[in-house]
């Protein structure tokens, strides 16, 4: 697996369709968490604000979003058409990304991380 130190380089390494979806995902996350910083962590793009909010990664047939177990649990009813595990949501490359739901997940994580910090 290639290692990247910038999200732009990570995204540039994928085919055109995947790149387009990754850029949409990235823009959605930035809008939902404008104060978050972009980092590469565990070899994946991640967004950090009072701790990690979400990670994402592209694969052959899907894009994985990693909003931690709490992010998956809170939105599993509206993501019933997606493959999920404890901390992962998989979005197939042959379907549009549910950008509104992704934005809600990110905003949920911003609030969650902020609440953890204030305790």
PDB file of N, CA and C in Angstrom:
ATOM      1  N   UNK A   1       0.841  -1.180   0.000  1.00  0.00           N
ATOM      2  CA  UNK A   1       0.000   0.000   0.000  1.00  0.00           C
ATOM      3  C   UNK A   1       0.889   1.248   0.000  1.00  0.00           C
ATOM      4  N   UNK A   2       0.560   2.180  -0.876  1.00  0.00           N
ATOM      5  CA  UNK A   2       1.330   3.423  -0.939  1.00  0.00           C
ATOM      6  C   UNK A   2       1.053   4.273   0.286  1.00  0.00           C
ATOM      7  N   UNK A   3       2.052   5.027   0.679  1.00  0.00           N
ATOM      8  CA  UNK A   3       1.899   5.953   1.798  1.00  0.00           C
ATOM      9  C   UNK A   3       1.878   7.379   1.251  1.00  0.00           C
ATOM     10  N   UNK A   4       0.970   8.172   1.752  1.00  0.00           N
ATOM     11  CA  UNK A   4       0.828   9.561   1.315  1.00  0.00           C
ATOM     12  C   UNK A   4       0.936  10.474   2.519  1.00  0.00           C
ATOM     13  N   UNK A   5       1.427  11.685   2.287  1.00  0.00           N
ATOM     14  CA  UNK A   5       1.486  12.647   3.375  1.00  0.00           C
ATOM     15  C   UNK A   5       0.565  13.839   3.138  1.00  0.00           C
ATOM     16  N   UNK A   6      -0.164  13.820   2.018  1.00  0.00           N
ATOM     17  CA  UNK A   6      -1.118  14.887   1.697  1.00  0.00           C
ATOM     18  C   UNK A   6      -2.370  14.268   1.098  1.00  0.00           C
ATOM     19  N   UNK A   7      -3.508  14.843   1.433  1.00  0.00           N
ATOM     20  CA  UNK A   7      -4.780  14.325   0.916  1.00  0.00           C
ATOM     21  C   UNK A   7      -4.862  14.500  -0.596  1.00  0.00           C
ATOM     22  N   UNK A   8      -4.344  15.602  -1.124  1.00  0.00           N
ATOM     23  CA  UNK A   8      -4.361  15.807  -2.582  1.00  0.00           C
ATOM     24  C   UNK A   8      -3.649  14.664  -3.306  1.00  0.00           C
ATOM     25  N   UNK A   9      -2.509  14.243  -2.799  1.00  0.00           N
ATOM     26  CA  UNK A   9      -1.752  13.151  -3.415  1.00  0.00           C
ATOM     27  C   UNK A   9      -2.499  11.825  -3.274  1.00  0.00           C
ATOM     28  N   UNK A  10      -3.136  11.620  -2.132  1.00  0.00           N
ATOM     29  CA  UNK A  10      -3.935  10.405  -1.919  1.00  0.00           C
ATOM     30  C   UNK A  10      -5.037  10.317  -2.973  1.00  0.00           C
ATOM     31  N   UNK A  11      -5.797  11.393  -3.129  1.00  0.00           N
ATOM     32  CA  UNK A  11      -6.928  11.410  -4.070  1.00  0.00           C
ATOM     33  C   UNK A  11      -6.440  11.261  -5.505  1.00  0.00           C
ATOM     34  N   UNK A  12      -5.338  11.909  -5.842  1.00  0.00           N
ATOM     35  CA  UNK A  12      -4.811  11.876  -7.217  1.00  0.00           C
ATOM     36  C   UNK A  12      -4.411  10.475  -7.662  1.00  0.00           C
ATOM     37  N   UNK A  13      -4.219   9.569  -6.735  1.00  0.00           N
ATOM     38  CA  UNK A  13      -3.763   8.220  -7.055  1.00  0.00           C
ATOM     39  C   UNK A  13      -4.881   7.293  -7.544  1.00  0.00           C
ATOM     40  N   UNK A  14      -6.125   7.772  -7.567  1.00  0.00           N
ATOM     41  CA  UNK A  14      -7.263   6.931  -7.942  1.00  0.00           C
ATOM     42  C   UNK A  14      -7.800   7.263  -9.326  1.00  0.00           C
ATOM     43  N   UNK A  15      -8.561   6.332  -9.928  1.00  0.00           N
ATOM     44  CA  UNK A  15      -9.193   6.593 -11.239  1.00  0.00           C
ATOM     45  C   UNK A  15     -10.169   7.769 -11.153  1.00  0.00           C
ATOM     46  N   UNK A  16     -10.517   8.320 -12.298  1.00  0.00           N
ATOM     47  CA  UNK A  16     -11.309   9.554 -12.383  1.00  0.00           C
ATOM     48  C   UNK A  16     -12.612   9.503 -11.584  1.00  0.00           C
ATOM     49  N   UNK A  17     -13.400   8.448 -11.719  1.00  0.00           N
ATOM     50  CA  UNK A  17     -14.682   8.366 -11.007  1.00  0.00           C
ATOM     51  C   UNK A  17     -14.462   8.387  -9.494  1.00  0.00           C
ATOM     52  N   UNK A  18     -13.511   7.614  -9.038  1.00  0.00           N
ATOM     53  CA  UNK A  18     -13.218   7.562  -7.606  1.00  0.00           C
ATOM     54  C   UNK A  18     -12.705   8.915  -7.123  1.00  0.00           C
ATOM     55  N   UNK A  19     -11.835   9.545  -7.917  1.00  0.00           N
ATOM     56  CA  UNK A  19     -11.318  10.884  -7.553  1.00  0.00           C
ATOM     57  C   UNK A  19     -12.467  11.866  -7.379  1.00  0.00           C
ATOM     58  N   UNK A  20     -13.413  11.837  -8.324  1.00  0.00           N
ATOM     59  CA  UNK A  20     -14.552  12.762  -8.270  1.00  0.00           C
ATOM     60  C   UNK A  20     -15.349  12.543  -6.985  1.00  0.00           C
ATOM     61  N   UNK A  21     -15.591  11.283  -6.652  1.00  0.00           N
ATOM     62  CA  UNK A  21     -16.350  10.980  -5.434  1.00  0.00           C
ATOM     63  C   UNK A  21     -15.572  11.380  -4.176  1.00  0.00           C
ATOM     64  N   UNK A  22     -14.267  11.148  -4.182  1.00  0.00           N
ATOM     65  CA  UNK A  22     -13.443  11.541  -3.038  1.00  0.00           C
ATOM     66  C   UNK A  22     -13.441  13.059  -2.863  1.00  0.00           C
ATOM     67  N   UNK A  23     -13.398  13.785  -3.960  1.00  0.00           N
ATOM     68  CA  UNK A  23     -13.442  15.252  -3.886  1.00  0.00           C
ATOM     69  C   UNK A  23     -14.796  15.723  -3.347  1.00  0.00           C
ATOM     70  N   UNK A  24     -15.887  15.062  -3.773  1.00  0.00           N
ATOM     71  CA  UNK A  24     -17.216  15.408  -3.245  1.00  0.00           C
ATOM     72  C   UNK A  24     -17.263  15.147  -1.736  1.00  0.00           C
ATOM     73  N   UNK A  25     -16.732  14.020  -1.340  1.00  0.00           N
ATOM     74  CA  UNK A  25     -16.706  13.658   0.075  1.00  0.00           C
ATOM     75  C   UNK A  25     -15.883  14.673   0.868  1.00  0.00           C
ATOM     76  N   UNK A  26     -14.731  14.996   0.344  1.00  0.00           N
ATOM     77  CA  UNK A  26     -13.845  15.956   1.003  1.00  0.00           C
ATOM     78  C   UNK A  26     -14.521  17.320   1.162  1.00  0.00           C
ATOM     79  N   UNK A  27     -15.154  17.801   0.101  1.00  0.00           N
ATOM     80  CA  UNK A  27     -15.838  19.099   0.149  1.00  0.00           C
ATOM     81  C   UNK A  27     -16.989  19.075   1.152  1.00  0.00           C
ATOM     82  N   UNK A  28     -17.706  17.976   1.199  1.00  0.00           N
ATOM     83  CA  UNK A  28     -18.824  17.833   2.139  1.00  0.00           C
ATOM     84  C   UNK A  28     -18.322  17.864   3.577  1.00  0.00           C
ATOM     85  N   UNK A  29     -17.251  17.160   3.841  1.00  0.00           N
ATOM     86  CA  UNK A  29     -16.678  17.141   5.197  1.00  0.00           C
ATOM     87  C   UNK A  29     -16.194  18.539   5.578  1.00  0.00           C
ATOM     88  N   UNK A  30     -15.515  19.223   4.658  1.00  0.00           N
ATOM     89  CA  UNK A  30     -15.003  20.570   4.946  1.00  0.00           C
ATOM     90  C   UNK A  30     -16.140  21.547   5.258  1.00  0.00           C
ATOM     91  N   UNK A  31     -17.249  21.439   4.521  1.00  0.00           N
ATOM     92  CA  UNK A  31     -18.392  22.324   4.777  1.00  0.00           C
ATOM     93  C   UNK A  31     -19.040  22.010   6.124  1.00  0.00           C
ATOM     94  N   UNK A  32     -19.118  20.742   6.461  1.00  0.00           N
ATOM     95  CA  UNK A  32     -19.766  20.332   7.712  1.00  0.00           C
ATOM     96  C   UNK A  32     -18.888  20.596   8.931  1.00  0.00           C
ATOM     97  N   UNK A  33     -17.576  20.630   8.721  1.00  0.00           N
ATOM     98  CA  UNK A  33     -16.637  20.875   9.822  1.00  0.00           C
ATOM     99  C   UNK A  33     -15.555  21.850   9.359  1.00  0.00           C
ATOM    100  N   UNK A  34     -15.942  23.114   9.142  1.00  0.00           N
ATOM    101  CA  UNK A  34     -14.989  24.076   8.569  1.00  0.00           C
ATOM    102  C   UNK A  34     -13.751  24.333   9.424  1.00  0.00           C
ATOM    103  N   UNK A  35     -13.826  24.071  10.723  1.00  0.00           N
ATOM    104  CA  UNK A  35     -12.665  24.314  11.590  1.00  0.00           C
ATOM    105  C   UNK A  35     -11.753  23.093  11.715  1.00  0.00           C
ATOM    106  N   UNK A  36     -12.165  21.981  11.136  1.00  0.00           N
ATOM    107  CA  UNK A  36     -11.358  20.758  11.234  1.00  0.00           C
ATOM    108  C   UNK A  36     -10.119  20.867  10.358  1.00  0.00           C
ATOM    109  N   UNK A  37      -9.048  20.249  10.825  1.00  0.00           N
ATOM    110  CA  UNK A  37      -7.832  20.219  10.018  1.00  0.00           C
ATOM    111  C   UNK A  37      -7.729  18.876   9.306  1.00  0.00           C
ATOM    112  N   UNK A  38      -7.162  18.918   8.120  1.00  0.00           N
ATOM    113  CA  UNK A  38      -6.962  17.712   7.327  1.00  0.00           C
ATOM    114  C   UNK A  38      -5.620  17.095   7.699  1.00  0.00           C
ATOM    115  N   UNK A  39      -5.631  15.796   7.902  1.00  0.00           N
ATOM    116  CA  UNK A  39      -4.400  15.070   8.212  1.00  0.00           C
ATOM    117  C   UNK A  39      -4.443  13.713   7.513  1.00  0.00           C
ATOM    118  N   UNK A  40      -3.302  13.095   7.431  1.00  0.00           N
ATOM    119  CA  UNK A  40      -3.237  11.688   7.029  1.00  0.00           C
ATOM    120  C   UNK A  40      -2.920  10.922   8.305  1.00  0.00           C
ATOM    121  N   UNK A  41      -3.761   9.959   8.616  1.00  0.00           N
ATOM    122  CA  UNK A  41      -3.569   9.159   9.820  1.00  0.00           C
ATOM    123  C   UNK A  41      -3.883   7.710   9.474  1.00  0.00           C
ATOM    124  N   UNK A  42      -3.025   6.807   9.902  1.00  0.00           N
ATOM    125  CA  UNK A  42      -3.171   5.387   9.537  1.00  0.00           C
ATOM    126  C   UNK A  42      -3.236   5.208   8.024  1.00  0.00           C
ATOM    127  N   UNK A  43      -2.568   6.092   7.281  1.00  0.00           N
ATOM    128  CA  UNK A  43      -2.529   6.001   5.826  1.00  0.00           C
ATOM    129  C   UNK A  43      -3.777   6.489   5.123  1.00  0.00           C
ATOM    130  N   UNK A  44      -4.702   7.086   5.870  1.00  0.00           N
ATOM    131  CA  UNK A  44      -5.972   7.552   5.293  1.00  0.00           C
ATOM    132  C   UNK A  44      -6.168   9.040   5.561  1.00  0.00           C
ATOM    133  N   UNK A  45      -6.904   9.709   4.673  1.00  0.00           N
ATOM    134  CA  UNK A  45      -7.306  11.080   4.973  1.00  0.00           C
ATOM    135  C   UNK A  45      -8.191  11.087   6.220  1.00  0.00           C
ATOM    136  N   UNK A  46      -7.992  12.083   7.059  1.00  0.00           N
ATOM    137  CA  UNK A  46      -8.777  12.208   8.279  1.00  0.00           C
ATOM    138  C   UNK A  46      -9.006  13.686   8.572  1.00  0.00           C
ATOM    139  N   UNK A  47     -10.024  13.933   9.376  1.00  0.00           N
ATOM    140  CA  UNK A  47     -10.360  15.292   9.790  1.00  0.00           C
ATOM    141  C   UNK A  47     -10.357  15.332  11.302  1.00  0.00           C
ATOM    142  N   UNK A  48      -9.649  16.338  11.813  1.00  0.00           N
ATOM    143  CA  UNK A  48      -9.375  16.413  13.239  1.00  0.00           C
ATOM    144  C   UNK A  48      -9.890  17.728  13.805  1.00  0.00           C
ATOM    145  N   UNK A  49     -10.671  17.618  14.869  1.00  0.00           N
ATOM    146  CA  UNK A  49     -11.129  18.797  15.604  1.00  0.00           C
ATOM    147  C   UNK A  49     -11.474  18.298  17.007  1.00  0.00           C
ATOM    148  N   UNK A  50     -10.656  18.622  17.965  1.00  0.00           N
ATOM    149  CA  UNK A  50     -10.796  18.061  19.318  1.00  0.00           C
ATOM    150  C   UNK A  50     -10.665  16.535  19.272  1.00  0.00           C
ATOM    151  N   UNK A  51      -9.827  16.051  18.407  1.00  0.00           N
ATOM    152  CA  UNK A  51      -9.680  14.613  18.168  1.00  0.00           C
ATOM    153  C   UNK A  51     -10.152  14.289  16.758  1.00  0.00           C
ATOM    154  N   UNK A  52      -9.996  13.049  16.357  1.00  0.00           N
ATOM    155  CA  UNK A  52     -10.403  12.646  15.004  1.00  0.00           C
ATOM    156  C   UNK A  52     -11.927  12.645  14.894  1.00  0.00           C
ATOM    157  N   UNK A  53     -12.432  13.286  13.842  1.00  0.00           N
ATOM    158  CA  UNK A  53     -13.870  13.268  13.554  1.00  0.00           C
ATOM    159  C   UNK A  53     -14.201  12.061  12.680  1.00  0.00           C
ATOM    160  N   UNK A  54     -13.558  12.005  11.520  1.00  0.00           N
ATOM    161  CA  UNK A  54     -13.796  10.917  10.564  1.00  0.00           C
ATOM    162  C   UNK A  54     -12.525  10.652   9.768  1.00  0.00           C
ATOM    163  N   UNK A  55     -12.440   9.429   9.279  1.00  0.00           N
ATOM    164  CA  UNK A  55     -11.438   9.030   8.289  1.00  0.00           C
ATOM    165  C   UNK A  55     -12.213   8.648   7.033  1.00  0.00           C
ATOM    166  N   UNK A  56     -11.520   8.635   5.880  1.00  0.00           N
ATOM    167  CA  UNK A  56     -12.111   7.995   4.706  1.00  0.00           C
ATOM    168  C   UNK A  56     -11.018   7.336   3.897  1.00  0.00           C
ATOM    169  N   UNK A  57     -11.424   6.389   3.075  1.00  0.00           N
ATOM    170  CA  UNK A  57     -10.471   5.684   2.223  1.00  0.00           C
ATOM    171  C   UNK A  57     -11.208   5.122   1.018  1.00  0.00           C
ATOM    172  N   UNK A  58     -10.499   5.018  -0.087  1.00  0.00           N
ATOM    173  CA  UNK A  58     -11.085   4.459  -1.312  1.00  0.00           C
ATOM    174  C   UNK A  58     -10.539   3.059  -1.547  1.00  0.00           C
ATOM    175  N   UNK A  59     -11.395   2.231  -2.094  1.00  0.00           N
ATOM    176  CA  UNK A  59     -11.059   0.840  -2.411  1.00  0.00           C
ATOM    177  C   UNK A  59     -11.542   0.538  -3.818  1.00  0.00           C
ATOM    178  N   UNK A  60     -11.349  -0.675  -4.261  1.00  0.00           N
ATOM    179  CA  UNK A  60     -11.698  -1.052  -5.630  1.00  0.00           C
ATOM    180  C   UNK A  60     -13.179  -0.826  -5.949  1.00  0.00           C
ATOM    181  N   UNK A  61     -14.066  -1.166  -5.015  1.00  0.00           N
ATOM    182  CA  UNK A  61     -15.501  -1.096  -5.294  1.00  0.00           C
ATOM    183  C   UNK A  61     -16.289  -0.165  -4.375  1.00  0.00           C
ATOM    184  N   UNK A  62     -15.616   0.471  -3.444  1.00  0.00           N
ATOM    185  CA  UNK A  62     -16.349   1.340  -2.524  1.00  0.00           C
ATOM    186  C   UNK A  62     -15.431   2.400  -1.910  1.00  0.00           C
ATOM    187  N   UNK A  63     -16.093   3.356  -1.260  1.00  0.00           N
ATOM    188  CA  UNK A  63     -15.400   4.336  -0.434  1.00  0.00           C
ATOM    189  C   UNK A  63     -15.836   4.058   0.995  1.00  0.00           C
ATOM    190  N   UNK A  64     -14.876   3.951   1.879  1.00  0.00           N
ATOM    191  CA  UNK A  64     -15.173   3.711   3.279  1.00  0.00           C
ATOM    192  C   UNK A  64     -15.127   5.013   4.058  1.00  0.00           C
ATOM    193  N   UNK A  65     -16.134   5.224   4.873  1.00  0.00           N
ATOM    194  CA  UNK A  65     -16.160   6.356   5.793  1.00  0.00           C
ATOM    195  C   UNK A  65     -16.089   5.769   7.193  1.00  0.00           C
ATOM    196  N   UNK A  66     -15.210   6.308   8.007  1.00  0.00           N
ATOM    197  CA  UNK A  66     -14.965   5.788   9.351  1.00  0.00           C
ATOM    198  C   UNK A  66     -15.302   6.873  10.380  1.00  0.00           C
ATOM    199  N   UNK A  67     -16.580   6.964  10.781  1.00  0.00           N
ATOM    200  CA  UNK A  67     -16.983   7.986  11.747  1.00  0.00           C
ATOM    201  C   UNK A  67     -17.003   7.489  13.188  1.00  0.00           C
ATOM    202  N   UNK A  68     -16.205   6.470  13.470  1.00  0.00           N
ATOM    203  CA  UNK A  68     -16.165   5.817  14.776  1.00  0.00           C
ATOM    204  C   UNK A  68     -17.493   5.082  15.002  1.00  0.00           C
ATOM    205  N   UNK A  69     -17.519   4.230  15.995  1.00  0.00           N
ATOM    206  CA  UNK A  69     -18.704   3.410  16.259  1.00  0.00           C
ATOM    207  C   UNK A  69     -19.933   4.273  16.563  1.00  0.00           C
ATOM    208  N   UNK A  70     -19.725   5.372  17.270  1.00  0.00           N
ATOM    209  CA  UNK A  70     -20.856   6.239  17.631  1.00  0.00           C
ATOM    210  C   UNK A  70     -21.515   6.855  16.399  1.00  0.00           C
ATOM    211  N   UNK A  71     -20.712   7.234  15.420  1.00  0.00           N
ATOM    212  CA  UNK A  71     -21.250   7.822  14.189  1.00  0.00           C
ATOM    213  C   UNK A  71     -22.042   6.824  13.367  1.00  0.00           C
ATOM    214  N   UNK A  72     -21.589   5.588  13.335  1.00  0.00           N
ATOM    215  CA  UNK A  72     -22.329   4.540  12.621  1.00  0.00           C
ATOM    216  C   UNK A  72     -23.630   4.251  13.355  1.00  0.00           C
ATOM    217  N   UNK A  73     -23.537   4.059  14.654  1.00  0.00           N
ATOM    218  CA  UNK A  73     -24.711   3.709  15.468  1.00  0.00           C
ATOM    219  C   UNK A  73     -25.807   4.774  15.352  1.00  0.00           C
ATOM    220  N   UNK A  74     -25.429   6.037  15.414  1.00  0.00           N
ATOM    221  CA  UNK A  74     -26.407   7.134  15.394  1.00  0.00           C
ATOM    222  C   UNK A  74     -27.146   7.250  14.061  1.00  0.00           C
ATOM    223  N   UNK A  75     -26.543   6.763  12.977  1.00  0.00           N
ATOM    224  CA  UNK A  75     -27.138   6.949  11.656  1.00  0.00           C
ATOM    225  C   UNK A  75     -27.473   5.640  10.943  1.00  0.00           C
ATOM    226  N   UNK A  76     -27.376   4.522  11.650  1.00  0.00           N
ATOM    227  CA  UNK A  76     -27.556   3.237  10.960  1.00  0.00           C
ATOM    228  C   UNK A  76     -28.952   3.077  10.364  1.00  0.00           C
ATOM    229  N   UNK A  77     -29.960   3.687  10.951  1.00  0.00           N
ATOM    230  CA  UNK A  77     -31.315   3.543  10.404  1.00  0.00           C
ATOM    231  C   UNK A  77     -31.464   4.234   9.053  1.00  0.00           C
ATOM    232  N   UNK A  78     -30.767   5.345   8.838  1.00  0.00           N
ATOM    233  CA  UNK A  78     -30.870   6.045   7.546  1.00  0.00           C
ATOM    234  C   UNK A  78     -29.849   5.529   6.531  1.00  0.00           C
ATOM    235  N   UNK A  79     -28.977   4.644   6.970  1.00  0.00           N
ATOM    236  CA  UNK A  79     -27.952   4.078   6.090  1.00  0.00           C
ATOM    237  C   UNK A  79     -28.216   2.600   5.814  1.00  0.00           C
ATOM    238  N   UNK A  80     -29.458   2.176   5.946  1.00  0.00           N
ATOM    239  CA  UNK A  80     -29.778   0.753   5.854  1.00  0.00           C
ATOM    240  C   UNK A  80     -29.383   0.128   4.515  1.00  0.00           C
ATOM    241  N   UNK A  81     -29.247   0.925   3.466  1.00  0.00           N
ATOM    242  CA  UNK A  81     -28.849   0.386   2.169  1.00  0.00           C
ATOM    243  C   UNK A  81     -27.344   0.214   2.010  1.00  0.00           C
ATOM    244  N   UNK A  82     -26.584   0.641   3.013  1.00  0.00           N
ATOM    245  CA  UNK A  82     -25.119   0.574   2.952  1.00  0.00           C
ATOM    246  C   UNK A  82     -24.600  -0.603   3.769  1.00  0.00           C
ATOM    247  N   UNK A  83     -23.460  -1.105   3.337  1.00  0.00           N
ATOM    248  CA  UNK A  83     -22.763  -2.123   4.125  1.00  0.00           C
ATOM    249  C   UNK A  83     -22.090  -1.388   5.288  1.00  0.00           C
ATOM    250  N   UNK A  84     -22.258  -1.941   6.492  1.00  0.00           N
ATOM    251  CA  UNK A  84     -21.692  -1.297   7.673  1.00  0.00           C
ATOM    252  C   UNK A  84     -21.063  -2.324   8.595  1.00  0.00           C
ATOM    253  N   UNK A  85     -20.123  -1.856   9.386  1.00  0.00           N
ATOM    254  CA  UNK A  85     -19.605  -2.636  10.502  1.00  0.00           C
ATOM    255  C   UNK A  85     -19.541  -1.678  11.684  1.00  0.00           C
ATOM    256  N   UNK A  86     -18.939  -2.086  12.755  1.00  0.00           N
ATOM    257  CA  UNK A  86     -18.970  -1.291  13.985  1.00  0.00           C
ATOM    258  C   UNK A  86     -18.571   0.181  13.783  1.00  0.00           C
ATOM    259  N   UNK A  87     -17.509   0.449  13.053  1.00  0.00           N
ATOM    260  CA  UNK A  87     -17.058   1.829  12.882  1.00  0.00           C
ATOM    261  C   UNK A  87     -16.922   2.273  11.443  1.00  0.00           C
ATOM    262  N   UNK A  88     -17.521   1.498  10.511  1.00  0.00           N
ATOM    263  CA  UNK A  88     -17.314   1.738   9.079  1.00  0.00           C
ATOM    264  C   UNK A  88     -18.622   1.759   8.310  1.00  0.00           C
ATOM    265  N   UNK A  89     -18.686   2.662   7.338  1.00  0.00           N
ATOM    266  CA  UNK A  89     -19.797   2.685   6.387  1.00  0.00           C
ATOM    267  C   UNK A  89     -19.172   2.587   5.001  1.00  0.00           C
ATOM    268  N   UNK A  90     -19.673   1.672   4.178  1.00  0.00           N
ATOM    269  CA  UNK A  90     -19.157   1.514   2.821  1.00  0.00           C
ATOM    270  C   UNK A  90     -20.164   2.070   1.818  1.00  0.00           C
ATOM    271  N   UNK A  91     -19.678   2.963   0.959  1.00  0.00           N
ATOM    272  CA  UNK A  91     -20.493   3.532  -0.097  1.00  0.00           C
ATOM    273  C   UNK A  91     -20.005   2.969  -1.428  1.00  0.00           C
ATOM    274  N   UNK A  92     -20.861   2.226  -2.145  1.00  0.00           N
ATOM    275  CA  UNK A  92     -20.426   1.643  -3.419  1.00  0.00           C
ATOM    276  C   UNK A  92     -20.099   2.719  -4.455  1.00  0.00           C
ATOM    277  N   UNK A  93     -19.116   2.433  -5.290  1.00  0.00           N
ATOM    278  CA  UNK A  93     -18.699   3.404  -6.309  1.00  0.00           C
ATOM    279  C   UNK A  93     -19.725   3.572  -7.421  1.00  0.00           C
ATOM    280  N   UNK A  94     -20.655   2.636  -7.546  1.00  0.00           N
ATOM    281  CA  UNK A  94     -21.631   2.729  -8.635  1.00  0.00           C
ATOM    282  C   UNK A  94     -22.915   3.460  -8.233  1.00  0.00           C
ATOM    283  N   UNK A  95     -22.906   4.101  -7.058  1.00  0.00           N
ATOM    284  CA  UNK A  95     -24.063   4.883  -6.607  1.00  0.00           C
ATOM    285  C   UNK A  95     -23.583   6.233  -6.106  1.00  0.00           C
ATOM    286  N   UNK A  96     -24.425   7.271  -6.240  1.00  0.00           N
ATOM    287  CA  UNK A  96     -24.023   8.588  -5.724  1.00  0.00           C
ATOM    288  C   UNK A  96     -23.840   8.543  -4.197  1.00  0.00           C
ATOM    289  N   UNK A  97     -22.904   9.322  -3.717  1.00  0.00           N
ATOM    290  CA  UNK A  97     -22.692   9.426  -2.268  1.00  0.00           C
ATOM    291  C   UNK A  97     -23.879  10.147  -1.628  1.00  0.00           C
ATOM    292  N   UNK A  98     -24.346   9.696  -0.479  1.00  0.00           N
ATOM    293  CA  UNK A  98     -25.423  10.403   0.233  1.00  0.00           C
ATOM    294  C   UNK A  98     -24.834  11.597   1.004  1.00  0.00           C
ATOM    295  N   UNK A  99     -24.521  12.657   0.276  1.00  0.00           N
ATOM    296  CA  UNK A  99     -23.754  13.766   0.844  1.00  0.00           C
ATOM    297  C   UNK A  99     -24.443  14.449   2.021  1.00  0.00           C
ATOM    298  N   UNK A 100     -25.782  14.560   1.980  1.00  0.00           N
ATOM    299  CA  UNK A 100     -26.502  15.187   3.096  1.00  0.00           C
ATOM    300  C   UNK A 100     -26.324  14.375   4.374  1.00  0.00           C
ATOM    301  N   UNK A 101     -26.440  13.064   4.252  1.00  0.00           N
ATOM    302  CA  UNK A 101     -26.285  12.196   5.426  1.00  0.00           C
ATOM    303  C   UNK A 101     -24.839  12.255   5.925  1.00  0.00           C
ATOM    304  N   UNK A 102     -23.894  12.254   5.002  1.00  0.00           N
ATOM    305  CA  UNK A 102     -22.485  12.347   5.395  1.00  0.00           C
ATOM    306  C   UNK A 102     -22.237  13.645   6.165  1.00  0.00           C
ATOM    307  N   UNK A 103     -22.802  14.753   5.676  1.00  0.00           N
ATOM    308  CA  UNK A 103     -22.651  16.039   6.369  1.00  0.00           C
ATOM    309  C   UNK A 103     -23.248  15.957   7.780  1.00  0.00           C
ATOM    310  N   UNK A 104     -24.396  15.309   7.923  1.00  0.00           N
ATOM    311  CA  UNK A 104     -25.019  15.157   9.240  1.00  0.00           C
ATOM    312  C   UNK A 104     -24.131  14.332  10.171  1.00  0.00           C
ATOM    313  N   UNK A 105     -23.543  13.274   9.646  1.00  0.00           N
ATOM    314  CA  UNK A 105     -22.649  12.432  10.445  1.00  0.00           C
ATOM    315  C   UNK A 105     -21.458  13.248  10.941  1.00  0.00           C
ATOM    316  N   UNK A 106     -20.878  14.039  10.042  1.00  0.00           N
ATOM    317  CA  UNK A 106     -19.717  14.856  10.416  1.00  0.00           C
ATOM    318  C   UNK A 106     -20.101  15.886  11.474  1.00  0.00           C
ATOM    319  N   UNK A 107     -21.243  16.541  11.284  1.00  0.00           N
ATOM    320  CA  UNK A 107     -21.693  17.527  12.287  1.00  0.00           C
ATOM    321  C   UNK A 107     -21.950  16.844  13.635  1.00  0.00           C
ATOM    322  N   UNK A 108     -22.510  15.653  13.605  1.00  0.00           N
ATOM    323  CA  UNK A 108     -22.721  14.865  14.827  1.00  0.00           C
ATOM    324  C   UNK A 108     -21.390  14.624  15.533  1.00  0.00           C
ATOM    325  N   UNK A 109     -20.377  14.246  14.758  1.00  0.00           N
ATOM    326  CA  UNK A 109     -19.056  13.974  15.347  1.00  0.00           C
ATOM    327  C   UNK A 109     -18.411  15.249  15.901  1.00  0.00           C
ATOM    328  N   UNK A 110     -18.622  16.391  15.248  1.00  0.00           N
ATOM    329  CA  UNK A 110     -18.087  17.663  15.764  1.00  0.00           C
ATOM    330  C   UNK A 110     -18.677  17.930  17.143  1.00  0.00           C
ATOM    331  N   UNK A 111     -19.984  17.797  17.267  1.00  0.00           N
ATOM    332  CA  UNK A 111     -20.657  18.023  18.550  1.00  0.00           C
ATOM    333  C   UNK A 111     -20.187  17.005  19.583  1.00  0.00           C
ATOM    334  N   UNK A 112     -20.112  15.758  19.166  1.00  0.00           N
ATOM    335  CA  UNK A 112     -19.671  14.696  20.085  1.00  0.00           C
ATOM    336  C   UNK A 112     -18.264  14.961  20.610  1.00  0.00           C
ATOM    337  N   UNK A 113     -17.338  15.319  19.739  1.00  0.00           N
ATOM    338  CA  UNK A 113     -15.961  15.585  20.163  1.00  0.00           C
ATOM    339  C   UNK A 113     -15.916  16.830  21.063  1.00  0.00           C
ATOM    340  N   UNK A 114     -16.698  17.831  20.744  1.00  0.00           N
ATOM    341  CA  UNK A 114     -16.745  19.053  21.546  1.00  0.00           C
ATOM    342  C   UNK A 114     -17.279  18.746  22.944  1.00  0.00           C
ATOM    343  N   UNK A 115     -18.319  17.910  23.023  1.00  0.00           N
ATOM    344  CA  UNK A 115     -18.891  17.527  24.318  1.00  0.00           C
ATOM    345  C   UNK A 115     -17.894  16.722  25.145  1.00  0.00           C
ATOM    346  N   UNK A 116     -17.134  15.858  24.496  1.00  0.00           N
ATOM    347  CA  UNK A 116     -16.121  15.068  25.221  1.00  0.00           C
ATOM    348  C   UNK A 116     -15.063  15.989  25.831  1.00  0.00           C
ATOM    349  N   UNK A 117     -14.744  17.042  25.083  1.00  0.00           N
ATOM    350  CA  UNK A 117     -13.718  17.973  25.530  1.00  0.00           C
ATOM    351  C   UNK A 117     -14.198  18.780  26.751  1.00  0.00           C
ATOM    352  N   UNK A 118     -15.485  19.101  26.773  1.00  0.00           N
ATOM    353  CA  UNK A 118     -16.004  19.963  27.845  1.00  0.00           C
ATOM    354  C   UNK A 118     -16.323  19.200  29.129  1.00  0.00           C
ATOM    355  N   UNK A 119     -16.188  17.882  29.108  1.00  0.00           N
ATOM    356  CA  UNK A 119     -16.471  17.087  30.320  1.00  0.00           C
ATOM    357  C   UNK A 119     -15.272  17.021  31.236  1.00  0.00           C
TER     358      UNK A 119
END
